[in-house]
């Protein structure tokens, strides 16, 4: 995890700009704090049970601390504040790395410990992530911040299902990485950082804009596009686990993020400048 953090720092700080240096500092501080918390939780567990195996967290305190630390690493909701700021401070390609590759190690840790995790905090954090990811994204005009909040709400979907069906969470993660990579790379090739430059792209690259619209709707999870599949399976699995109210809340909260994806999509394709 530490090598992972230290490897991305020069990439964040590469544009010689105060904002990118600030983003690198914020990223480093949160990740270092989260790593320290992970060490602390494993030490507490070893102190209580006498063994260092992370897959058998029997001590509730250390389990809770580990959940909080990984949530901090991922940017789940009570600890999400650093993520949009950091993403806003770095380039689009680094942003792509931050919201995909950097999420893999913490998610793998959650996947390994998913049997011994406490359900209540995970579900609460998941629902809050979906809610805040939707709400905070509504007001943004910067594409990187919109994508950051969309990442937060997708992480909510992953963490609510992780306790019941870890394989589904991984499927959701892989599809999310694929679709987000498409969005980031498209935005990178048409050099858009905010909605007003996105409006001029239809005149320059109509085909790419049409593809961007489809990719964004897929990210929002509209059938018959790919992004609908994990949402459908997750809602089905939650209903099987007698979690129908949570499933309903998650489905309604995804409407919030659908709203700002639609706004991105119609800025890209339907609005003509000026």
C-alpha atoms as a PDB file:
ATOM      1  CA  UNK A   1       0.000   0.000   0.000  1.00  0.00           C
ATOM      2  CA  UNK A   2       2.822   2.389   0.850  1.00  0.00           C
ATOM      3  CA  UNK A   3       4.683   1.699  -2.414  1.00  0.00           C
ATOM      4  CA  UNK A   4       1.394   2.298  -4.193  1.00  0.00           C
ATOM      5  CA  UNK A   5       0.929   5.679  -2.478  1.00  0.00           C
ATOM      6  CA  UNK A   6       4.508   6.816  -3.034  1.00  0.00           C
ATOM      7  CA  UNK A   7       4.436   5.810  -6.703  1.00  0.00           C
ATOM      8  CA  UNK A   8       1.440   8.007  -7.550  1.00  0.00           C
ATOM      9  CA  UNK A   9       2.702  11.115  -5.693  1.00  0.00           C
ATOM     10  CA  UNK A  10       5.157  12.301  -8.401  1.00  0.00           C
ATOM     11  CA  UNK A  11       2.434  11.775 -11.010  1.00  0.00           C
ATOM     12  CA  UNK A  12       0.059  14.040  -9.052  1.00  0.00           C
ATOM     13  CA  UNK A  13       2.751  16.657  -8.457  1.00  0.00           C
ATOM     14  CA  UNK A  14       4.060  16.581 -12.050  1.00  0.00           C
ATOM     15  CA  UNK A  15       2.326  19.750 -13.313  1.00  0.00           C
ATOM     16  CA  UNK A  16       4.369  22.481 -11.587  1.00  0.00           C
ATOM     17  CA  UNK A  17       1.390  24.227 -10.109  1.00  0.00           C
ATOM     18  CA  UNK A  18       0.493  25.096  -6.489  1.00  0.00           C
ATOM     19  CA  UNK A  19      -2.807  23.232  -6.806  1.00  0.00           C
ATOM     20  CA  UNK A  20      -1.173  19.965  -7.889  1.00  0.00           C
ATOM     21  CA  UNK A  21       1.387  20.203  -5.066  1.00  0.00           C
ATOM     22  CA  UNK A  22      -1.494  20.788  -2.641  1.00  0.00           C
ATOM     23  CA  UNK A  23      -3.315  17.764  -4.095  1.00  0.00           C
ATOM     24  CA  UNK A  24      -0.216  15.586  -3.670  1.00  0.00           C
ATOM     25  CA  UNK A  25       0.150  16.720  -0.042  1.00  0.00           C
ATOM     26  CA  UNK A  26      -3.519  16.018   0.723  1.00  0.00           C
ATOM     27  CA  UNK A  27      -3.282  12.610  -0.903  1.00  0.00           C
ATOM     28  CA  UNK A  28      -0.115  11.726   0.991  1.00  0.00           C
ATOM     29  CA  UNK A  29      -1.532  12.777   4.381  1.00  0.00           C
ATOM     30  CA  UNK A  30      -4.800  10.846   4.042  1.00  0.00           C
ATOM     31  CA  UNK A  31      -3.116   7.713   2.710  1.00  0.00           C
ATOM     32  CA  UNK A  32      -0.422   7.770   5.394  1.00  0.00           C
ATOM     33  CA  UNK A  33      -3.052   8.197   8.114  1.00  0.00           C
ATOM     34  CA  UNK A  34      -5.056   5.296   6.669  1.00  0.00           C
ATOM     35  CA  UNK A  35      -1.967   3.050   6.505  1.00  0.00           C
ATOM     36  CA  UNK A  36      -1.161   3.877  10.117  1.00  0.00           C
ATOM     37  CA  UNK A  37      -4.739   2.951  11.061  1.00  0.00           C
ATOM     38  CA  UNK A  38      -4.426  -0.381   9.239  1.00  0.00           C
ATOM     39  CA  UNK A  39      -1.221  -1.144  11.182  1.00  0.00           C
ATOM     40  CA  UNK A  40      -2.931  -0.082  14.398  1.00  0.00           C
ATOM     41  CA  UNK A  41      -5.930  -2.345  13.767  1.00  0.00           C
ATOM     42  CA  UNK A  42      -3.736  -5.373  13.006  1.00  0.00           C
ATOM     43  CA  UNK A  43      -1.697  -4.678  16.148  1.00  0.00           C
ATOM     44  CA  UNK A  44      -4.860  -4.463  18.253  1.00  0.00           C
ATOM     45  CA  UNK A  45      -6.039  -7.730  16.716  1.00  0.00           C
ATOM     46  CA  UNK A  46      -2.678  -9.418  17.430  1.00  0.00           C
ATOM     47  CA  UNK A  47      -2.752  -8.096  20.978  1.00  0.00           C
ATOM     48  CA  UNK A  48      -6.233  -9.542  21.589  1.00  0.00           C
ATOM     49  CA  UNK A  49      -5.997 -12.826  19.705  1.00  0.00           C
ATOM     50  CA  UNK A  50      -2.251 -13.507  19.407  1.00  0.00           C
ATOM     51  CA  UNK A  51      -2.193 -13.880  15.621  1.00  0.00           C
ATOM     52  CA  UNK A  52      -1.504 -11.462  12.750  1.00  0.00           C
ATOM     53  CA  UNK A  53      -3.738 -13.027  10.107  1.00  0.00           C
ATOM     54  CA  UNK A  54      -5.860 -10.256   8.571  1.00  0.00           C
ATOM     55  CA  UNK A  55      -8.517 -12.673   7.285  1.00  0.00           C
ATOM     56  CA  UNK A  56      -9.529 -13.695  10.817  1.00  0.00           C
ATOM     57  CA  UNK A  57     -10.329 -10.392  12.488  1.00  0.00           C
ATOM     58  CA  UNK A  58     -12.164 -11.532  15.590  1.00  0.00           C
ATOM     59  CA  UNK A  59     -11.612  -8.433  17.726  1.00  0.00           C
ATOM     60  CA  UNK A  60     -14.527  -6.014  16.983  1.00  0.00           C
ATOM     61  CA  UNK A  61     -12.478  -2.865  17.689  1.00  0.00           C
ATOM     62  CA  UNK A  62      -9.749  -3.753  15.231  1.00  0.00           C
ATOM     63  CA  UNK A  63     -12.394  -4.764  12.688  1.00  0.00           C
ATOM     64  CA  UNK A  64     -14.022  -1.348  12.972  1.00  0.00           C
ATOM     65  CA  UNK A  65     -10.677   0.471  12.734  1.00  0.00           C
ATOM     66  CA  UNK A  66      -9.726  -1.547   9.654  1.00  0.00           C
ATOM     67  CA  UNK A  67     -13.064  -0.749   7.979  1.00  0.00           C
ATOM     68  CA  UNK A  68     -12.550   2.955   8.706  1.00  0.00           C
ATOM     69  CA  UNK A  69      -8.970   2.870   7.410  1.00  0.00           C
ATOM     70  CA  UNK A  70      -9.909   1.191   4.145  1.00  0.00           C
ATOM     71  CA  UNK A  71     -12.859   3.566   3.737  1.00  0.00           C
ATOM     72  CA  UNK A  72     -10.368   6.398   4.172  1.00  0.00           C
ATOM     73  CA  UNK A  73      -8.080   4.898   1.531  1.00  0.00           C
ATOM     74  CA  UNK A  74     -10.960   4.480  -0.899  1.00  0.00           C
ATOM     75  CA  UNK A  75     -12.771   7.742  -0.195  1.00  0.00           C
ATOM     76  CA  UNK A  76     -16.030   6.276   1.140  1.00  0.00           C
ATOM     77  CA  UNK A  77     -18.322   8.798   2.672  1.00  0.00           C
ATOM     78  CA  UNK A  78     -17.308  10.039   6.078  1.00  0.00           C
ATOM     79  CA  UNK A  79     -13.748  10.159   4.656  1.00  0.00           C
ATOM     80  CA  UNK A  80     -14.473  11.301   1.111  1.00  0.00           C
ATOM     81  CA  UNK A  81     -13.421  14.957   1.389  1.00  0.00           C
ATOM     82  CA  UNK A  82      -9.885  14.500   0.054  1.00  0.00           C
ATOM     83  CA  UNK A  83     -10.877  12.723  -3.151  1.00  0.00           C
ATOM     84  CA  UNK A  84     -12.538  15.472  -5.261  1.00  0.00           C
ATOM     85  CA  UNK A  85      -9.860  17.962  -4.165  1.00  0.00           C
ATOM     86  CA  UNK A  86      -7.025  15.645  -5.175  1.00  0.00           C
ATOM     87  CA  UNK A  87      -8.688  14.730  -8.465  1.00  0.00           C
ATOM     88  CA  UNK A  88      -9.235  18.419  -9.232  1.00  0.00           C
ATOM     89  CA  UNK A  89      -5.531  19.093  -8.682  1.00  0.00           C
ATOM     90  CA  UNK A  90      -4.110  16.512 -11.078  1.00  0.00           C
ATOM     91  CA  UNK A  91      -4.295  15.843 -14.826  1.00  0.00           C
ATOM     92  CA  UNK A  92      -6.959  13.619 -16.396  1.00  0.00           C
ATOM     93  CA  UNK A  93      -4.652  10.637 -16.925  1.00  0.00           C
ATOM     94  CA  UNK A  94      -3.458  10.767 -13.305  1.00  0.00           C
ATOM     95  CA  UNK A  95      -7.109  11.165 -12.298  1.00  0.00           C
ATOM     96  CA  UNK A  96      -7.895   7.978 -14.197  1.00  0.00           C
ATOM     97  CA  UNK A  97      -5.132   6.157 -12.299  1.00  0.00           C
ATOM     98  CA  UNK A  98      -6.380   7.577  -8.990  1.00  0.00           C
ATOM     99  CA  UNK A  99      -9.977   6.522  -9.489  1.00  0.00           C
ATOM    100  CA  UNK A 100      -9.217   3.054 -10.904  1.00  0.00           C
ATOM    101  CA  UNK A 101      -5.790   1.521 -10.169  1.00  0.00           C
ATOM    102  CA  UNK A 102      -5.432   3.172  -6.760  1.00  0.00           C
ATOM    103  CA  UNK A 103      -8.754   1.693  -5.648  1.00  0.00           C
ATOM    104  CA  UNK A 104      -7.671  -1.874  -6.364  1.00  0.00           C
ATOM    105  CA  UNK A 105      -5.439  -2.599  -3.299  1.00  0.00           C
ATOM    106  CA  UNK A 106      -7.966  -1.341  -0.669  1.00  0.00           C
ATOM    107  CA  UNK A 107     -10.812  -3.161  -2.430  1.00  0.00           C
ATOM    108  CA  UNK A 108      -8.718  -6.346  -2.451  1.00  0.00           C
ATOM    109  CA  UNK A 109      -8.172  -5.930   1.298  1.00  0.00           C
ATOM    110  CA  UNK A 110     -11.924  -5.525   1.806  1.00  0.00           C
ATOM    111  CA  UNK A 111     -12.521  -8.576  -0.383  1.00  0.00           C
ATOM    112  CA  UNK A 112     -10.132 -10.642   1.759  1.00  0.00           C
ATOM    113  CA  UNK A 113     -11.681  -9.530   5.051  1.00  0.00           C
ATOM    114  CA  UNK A 114     -15.289  -9.507   3.812  1.00  0.00           C
ATOM    115  CA  UNK A 115     -16.208 -12.555   5.924  1.00  0.00           C
ATOM    116  CA  UNK A 116     -15.327 -10.963   9.261  1.00  0.00           C
ATOM    117  CA  UNK A 117     -16.522  -7.401   8.594  1.00  0.00           C
ATOM    118  CA  UNK A 118     -19.261  -5.769  10.621  1.00  0.00           C
ATOM    119  CA  UNK A 119     -22.344  -5.310   8.443  1.00  0.00           C
ATOM    120  CA  UNK A 120     -23.913  -2.202   9.959  1.00  0.00           C
ATOM    121  CA  UNK A 121     -21.117   0.345   9.380  1.00  0.00           C
ATOM    122  CA  UNK A 122     -20.538  -0.973   5.847  1.00  0.00           C
ATOM    123  CA  UNK A 123     -24.196  -0.592   4.872  1.00  0.00           C
ATOM    124  CA  UNK A 124     -24.450   2.859   6.486  1.00  0.00           C
ATOM    125  CA  UNK A 125     -21.276   4.037   4.719  1.00  0.00           C
ATOM    126  CA  UNK A 126     -22.507   2.589   1.423  1.00  0.00           C
ATOM    127  CA  UNK A 127     -25.877   4.359   1.539  1.00  0.00           C
ATOM    128  CA  UNK A 128     -24.253   7.622   2.634  1.00  0.00           C
ATOM    129  CA  UNK A 129     -21.720   7.317  -0.190  1.00  0.00           C
ATOM    130  CA  UNK A 130     -24.434   6.833  -2.788  1.00  0.00           C
ATOM    131  CA  UNK A 131     -26.367   9.792  -1.341  1.00  0.00           C
ATOM    132  CA  UNK A 132     -23.491  12.248  -1.026  1.00  0.00           C
ATOM    133  CA  UNK A 133     -21.890  11.163  -4.302  1.00  0.00           C
ATOM    134  CA  UNK A 134     -25.157  12.078  -5.986  1.00  0.00           C
ATOM    135  CA  UNK A 135     -25.932  15.266  -4.071  1.00  0.00           C
ATOM    136  CA  UNK A 136     -22.496  16.864  -4.206  1.00  0.00           C
ATOM    137  CA  UNK A 137     -22.094  16.083  -7.888  1.00  0.00           C
ATOM    138  CA  UNK A 138     -25.258  17.983  -8.839  1.00  0.00           C
ATOM    139  CA  UNK A 139     -23.681  21.369  -8.275  1.00  0.00           C
ATOM    140  CA  UNK A 140     -20.369  20.856 -10.072  1.00  0.00           C
ATOM    141  CA  UNK A 141     -19.200  22.280 -13.379  1.00  0.00           C
ATOM    142  CA  UNK A 142     -15.694  20.760 -13.343  1.00  0.00           C
ATOM    143  CA  UNK A 143     -15.698  17.382 -15.111  1.00  0.00           C
ATOM    144  CA  UNK A 144     -12.996  15.998 -12.803  1.00  0.00           C
ATOM    145  CA  UNK A 145     -15.052  16.782  -9.695  1.00  0.00           C
ATOM    146  CA  UNK A 146     -18.166  15.277 -11.274  1.00  0.00           C
ATOM    147  CA  UNK A 147     -16.204  12.102 -12.003  1.00  0.00           C
ATOM    148  CA  UNK A 148     -14.845  12.107  -8.444  1.00  0.00           C
ATOM    149  CA  UNK A 149     -18.346  12.193  -6.968  1.00  0.00           C
ATOM    150  CA  UNK A 150     -19.500   9.536  -9.425  1.00  0.00           C
ATOM    151  CA  UNK A 151     -16.603   7.406  -8.160  1.00  0.00           C
ATOM    152  CA  UNK A 152     -17.771   7.926  -4.562  1.00  0.00           C
ATOM    153  CA  UNK A 153     -21.298   6.772  -5.365  1.00  0.00           C
ATOM    154  CA  UNK A 154     -20.034   3.717  -7.291  1.00  0.00           C
ATOM    155  CA  UNK A 155     -17.887   2.785  -4.288  1.00  0.00           C
ATOM    156  CA  UNK A 156     -21.091   2.925  -2.257  1.00  0.00           C
ATOM    157  CA  UNK A 157     -22.637   0.305  -4.534  1.00  0.00           C
ATOM    158  CA  UNK A 158     -19.529  -1.861  -4.223  1.00  0.00           C
ATOM    159  CA  UNK A 159     -19.325  -1.703  -0.442  1.00  0.00           C
ATOM    160  CA  UNK A 160     -23.021  -2.471   0.173  1.00  0.00           C
ATOM    161  CA  UNK A 161     -22.760  -5.762  -1.717  1.00  0.00           C
ATOM    162  CA  UNK A 162     -19.244  -6.691  -0.583  1.00  0.00           C
ATOM    163  CA  UNK A 163     -20.442  -8.301   2.672  1.00  0.00           C
ATOM    164  CA  UNK A 164     -23.062 -10.466   0.961  1.00  0.00           C
ATOM    165  CA  UNK A 165     -21.462 -11.365  -2.358  1.00  0.00           C
ATOM    166  CA  UNK A 166     -17.812 -10.301  -2.769  1.00  0.00           C
ATOM    167  CA  UNK A 167     -17.664 -11.612  -6.360  1.00  0.00           C
ATOM    168  CA  UNK A 168     -20.442  -9.214  -7.369  1.00  0.00           C
ATOM    169  CA  UNK A 169     -18.534  -6.328  -5.828  1.00  0.00           C
ATOM    170  CA  UNK A 170     -15.484  -7.256  -7.890  1.00  0.00           C
ATOM    171  CA  UNK A 171     -17.599  -7.486 -11.061  1.00  0.00           C
ATOM    172  CA  UNK A 172     -18.981  -4.033 -10.297  1.00  0.00           C
ATOM    173  CA  UNK A 173     -15.444  -2.747  -9.763  1.00  0.00           C
ATOM    174  CA  UNK A 174     -14.094  -4.156 -13.040  1.00  0.00           C
ATOM    175  CA  UNK A 175     -16.985  -2.775 -15.085  1.00  0.00           C
ATOM    176  CA  UNK A 176     -16.677   0.576 -13.309  1.00  0.00           C
ATOM    177  CA  UNK A 177     -12.934   0.697 -14.145  1.00  0.00           C
ATOM    178  CA  UNK A 178     -13.657  -0.093 -17.793  1.00  0.00           C
ATOM    179  CA  UNK A 179     -16.372   2.543 -18.244  1.00  0.00           C
ATOM    180  CA  UNK A 180     -14.563   5.240 -16.223  1.00  0.00           C
ATOM    181  CA  UNK A 181     -11.394   4.631 -18.242  1.00  0.00           C
ATOM    182  CA  UNK A 182     -13.425   5.227 -21.397  1.00  0.00           C
ATOM    183  CA  UNK A 183     -14.831   8.502 -20.000  1.00  0.00           C
ATOM    184  CA  UNK A 184     -11.480   9.797 -18.724  1.00  0.00           C
ATOM    185  CA  UNK A 185      -9.632   8.953 -21.937  1.00  0.00           C
ATOM    186  CA  UNK A 186     -12.339  10.568 -24.070  1.00  0.00           C
ATOM    187  CA  UNK A 187     -12.238  13.729 -21.962  1.00  0.00           C
ATOM    188  CA  UNK A 188      -8.450  13.629 -22.177  1.00  0.00           C
ATOM    189  CA  UNK A 189      -8.425  13.402 -25.962  1.00  0.00           C
ATOM    190  CA  UNK A 190     -10.881  16.300 -26.367  1.00  0.00           C
ATOM    191  CA  UNK A 191      -9.061  18.289 -23.633  1.00  0.00           C
ATOM    192  CA  UNK A 192     -12.118  19.183 -21.548  1.00  0.00           C
ATOM    193  CA  UNK A 193     -11.875  20.166 -17.925  1.00  0.00           C
ATOM    194  CA  UNK A 194     -15.253  21.849 -17.441  1.00  0.00           C
ATOM    195  CA  UNK A 195     -18.763  21.852 -18.883  1.00  0.00           C
ATOM    196  CA  UNK A 196     -18.334  24.983 -21.010  1.00  0.00           C
ATOM    197  CA  UNK A 197     -15.515  23.439 -23.071  1.00  0.00           C
ATOM    198  CA  UNK A 198     -17.516  20.206 -23.270  1.00  0.00           C
ATOM    199  CA  UNK A 199     -20.231  22.148 -25.113  1.00  0.00           C
ATOM    200  CA  UNK A 200     -17.922  22.969 -28.026  1.00  0.00           C
ATOM    201  CA  UNK A 201     -16.862  19.359 -28.658  1.00  0.00           C
ATOM    202  CA  UNK A 202     -19.872  18.384 -30.790  1.00  0.00           C
ATOM    203  CA  UNK A 203     -18.671  20.756 -33.542  1.00  0.00           C
ATOM    204  CA  UNK A 204     -15.151  19.281 -33.458  1.00  0.00           C
ATOM    205  CA  UNK A 205     -15.591  15.542 -32.861  1.00  0.00           C
ATOM    206  CA  UNK A 206     -19.237  14.453 -33.280  1.00  0.00           C
ATOM    207  CA  UNK A 207     -18.534  10.695 -33.264  1.00  0.00           C
ATOM    208  CA  UNK A 208     -16.476  10.887 -30.073  1.00  0.00           C
ATOM    209  CA  UNK A 209     -19.177  12.994 -28.405  1.00  0.00           C
ATOM    210  CA  UNK A 210     -21.851  10.454 -29.298  1.00  0.00           C
ATOM    211  CA  UNK A 211     -19.706   7.673 -27.833  1.00  0.00           C
ATOM    212  CA  UNK A 212     -19.138   9.807 -24.730  1.00  0.00           C
ATOM    213  CA  UNK A 213     -22.894  10.169 -24.298  1.00  0.00           C
ATOM    214  CA  UNK A 214     -23.376   6.392 -24.470  1.00  0.00           C
ATOM    215  CA  UNK A 215     -20.493   5.795 -22.049  1.00  0.00           C
ATOM    216  CA  UNK A 216     -21.908   8.301 -19.559  1.00  0.00           C
ATOM    217  CA  UNK A 217     -25.353   6.715 -19.711  1.00  0.00           C
ATOM    218  CA  UNK A 218     -23.700   3.338 -19.165  1.00  0.00           C
ATOM    219  CA  UNK A 219     -21.913   4.773 -16.122  1.00  0.00           C
ATOM    220  CA  UNK A 220     -25.299   5.975 -14.870  1.00  0.00           C
ATOM    221  CA  UNK A 221     -26.581   2.419 -15.187  1.00  0.00           C
ATOM    222  CA  UNK A 222     -29.287   2.664 -17.827  1.00  0.00           C
ATOM    223  CA  UNK A 223     -30.405  -0.544 -19.565  1.00  0.00           C
ATOM    224  CA  UNK A 224     -29.466  -1.948 -22.156  1.00  0.00           C
ATOM    225  CA  UNK A 225     -25.959  -0.590 -21.527  1.00  0.00           C
ATOM    226  CA  UNK A 226     -23.242  -2.456 -19.617  1.00  0.00           C
ATOM    227  CA  UNK A 227     -23.417  -0.321 -16.451  1.00  0.00           C
ATOM    228  CA  UNK A 228     -26.938  -1.597 -15.784  1.00  0.00           C
ATOM    229  CA  UNK A 229     -25.764  -5.188 -15.243  1.00  0.00           C
ATOM    230  CA  UNK A 230     -23.975  -4.776 -11.862  1.00  0.00           C
ATOM    231  CA  UNK A 231     -26.768  -2.566 -10.495  1.00  0.00           C
ATOM    232  CA  UNK A 232     -29.394  -5.136 -11.484  1.00  0.00           C
ATOM    233  CA  UNK A 233     -27.452  -8.023  -9.950  1.00  0.00           C
ATOM    234  CA  UNK A 234     -26.730  -6.038  -6.771  1.00  0.00           C
ATOM    235  CA  UNK A 235     -30.392  -5.086  -6.278  1.00  0.00           C
ATOM    236  CA  UNK A 236     -31.374  -8.726  -6.901  1.00  0.00           C
ATOM    237  CA  UNK A 237     -28.831  -9.995  -4.365  1.00  0.00           C
ATOM    238  CA  UNK A 238     -29.864  -7.405  -1.757  1.00  0.00           C
ATOM    239  CA  UNK A 239     -33.508  -8.458  -2.149  1.00  0.00           C
ATOM    240  CA  UNK A 240     -32.476 -12.094  -1.643  1.00  0.00           C
ATOM    241  CA  UNK A 241     -30.716 -11.064   1.591  1.00  0.00           C
ATOM    242  CA  UNK A 242     -33.908  -9.385   2.942  1.00  0.00           C
ATOM    243  CA  UNK A 243     -32.384  -5.958   2.376  1.00  0.00           C
ATOM    244  CA  UNK A 244     -35.177  -4.650   0.123  1.00  0.00           C
ATOM    245  CA  UNK A 245     -35.386  -1.221   1.873  1.00  0.00           C
ATOM    246  CA  UNK A 246     -31.646  -0.679   1.345  1.00  0.00           C
ATOM    247  CA  UNK A 247     -31.991  -1.748  -2.292  1.00  0.00           C
ATOM    248  CA  UNK A 248     -34.846   0.734  -2.820  1.00  0.00           C
ATOM    249  CA  UNK A 249     -32.836   3.550  -1.204  1.00  0.00           C
ATOM    250  CA  UNK A 250     -29.782   2.767  -3.355  1.00  0.00           C
ATOM    251  CA  UNK A 251     -31.875   2.650  -6.531  1.00  0.00           C
ATOM    252  CA  UNK A 252     -33.479   6.006  -5.717  1.00  0.00           C
ATOM    253  CA  UNK A 253     -30.123   7.572  -4.866  1.00  0.00           C
ATOM    254  CA  UNK A 254     -28.696   6.483  -8.210  1.00  0.00           C
ATOM    255  CA  UNK A 255     -31.245   8.850  -9.778  1.00  0.00           C
ATOM    256  CA  UNK A 256     -29.244  11.752  -8.333  1.00  0.00           C
ATOM    257  CA  UNK A 257     -26.106  10.671 -10.131  1.00  0.00           C
ATOM    258  CA  UNK A 258     -28.144   9.916 -13.265  1.00  0.00           C
ATOM    259  CA  UNK A 259     -29.097  13.597 -13.252  1.00  0.00           C
ATOM    260  CA  UNK A 260     -25.551  14.887 -13.496  1.00  0.00           C
ATOM    261  CA  UNK A 261     -24.503  12.194 -15.990  1.00  0.00           C
ATOM    262  CA  UNK A 262     -27.414  13.324 -18.152  1.00  0.00           C
ATOM    263  CA  UNK A 263     -26.262  16.914 -17.806  1.00  0.00           C
ATOM    264  CA  UNK A 264     -22.760  15.928 -18.927  1.00  0.00           C
ATOM    265  CA  UNK A 265     -24.259  13.907 -21.772  1.00  0.00           C
ATOM    266  CA  UNK A 266     -26.443  16.689 -23.094  1.00  0.00           C
ATOM    267  CA  UNK A 267     -23.661  19.248 -22.756  1.00  0.00           C
ATOM    268  CA  UNK A 268     -21.544  16.897 -24.867  1.00  0.00           C
ATOM    269  CA  UNK A 269     -24.077  16.058 -27.564  1.00  0.00           C
ATOM    270  CA  UNK A 270     -27.324  18.029 -27.562  1.00  0.00           C
ATOM    271  CA  UNK A 271     -26.263  21.577 -26.632  1.00  0.00           C
ATOM    272  CA  UNK A 272     -24.797  23.526 -29.513  1.00  0.00           C
ATOM    273  CA  UNK A 273     -22.511  26.511 -28.770  1.00  0.00           C
ATOM    274  CA  UNK A 274     -23.029  29.290 -27.874  1.00  0.00           C
END
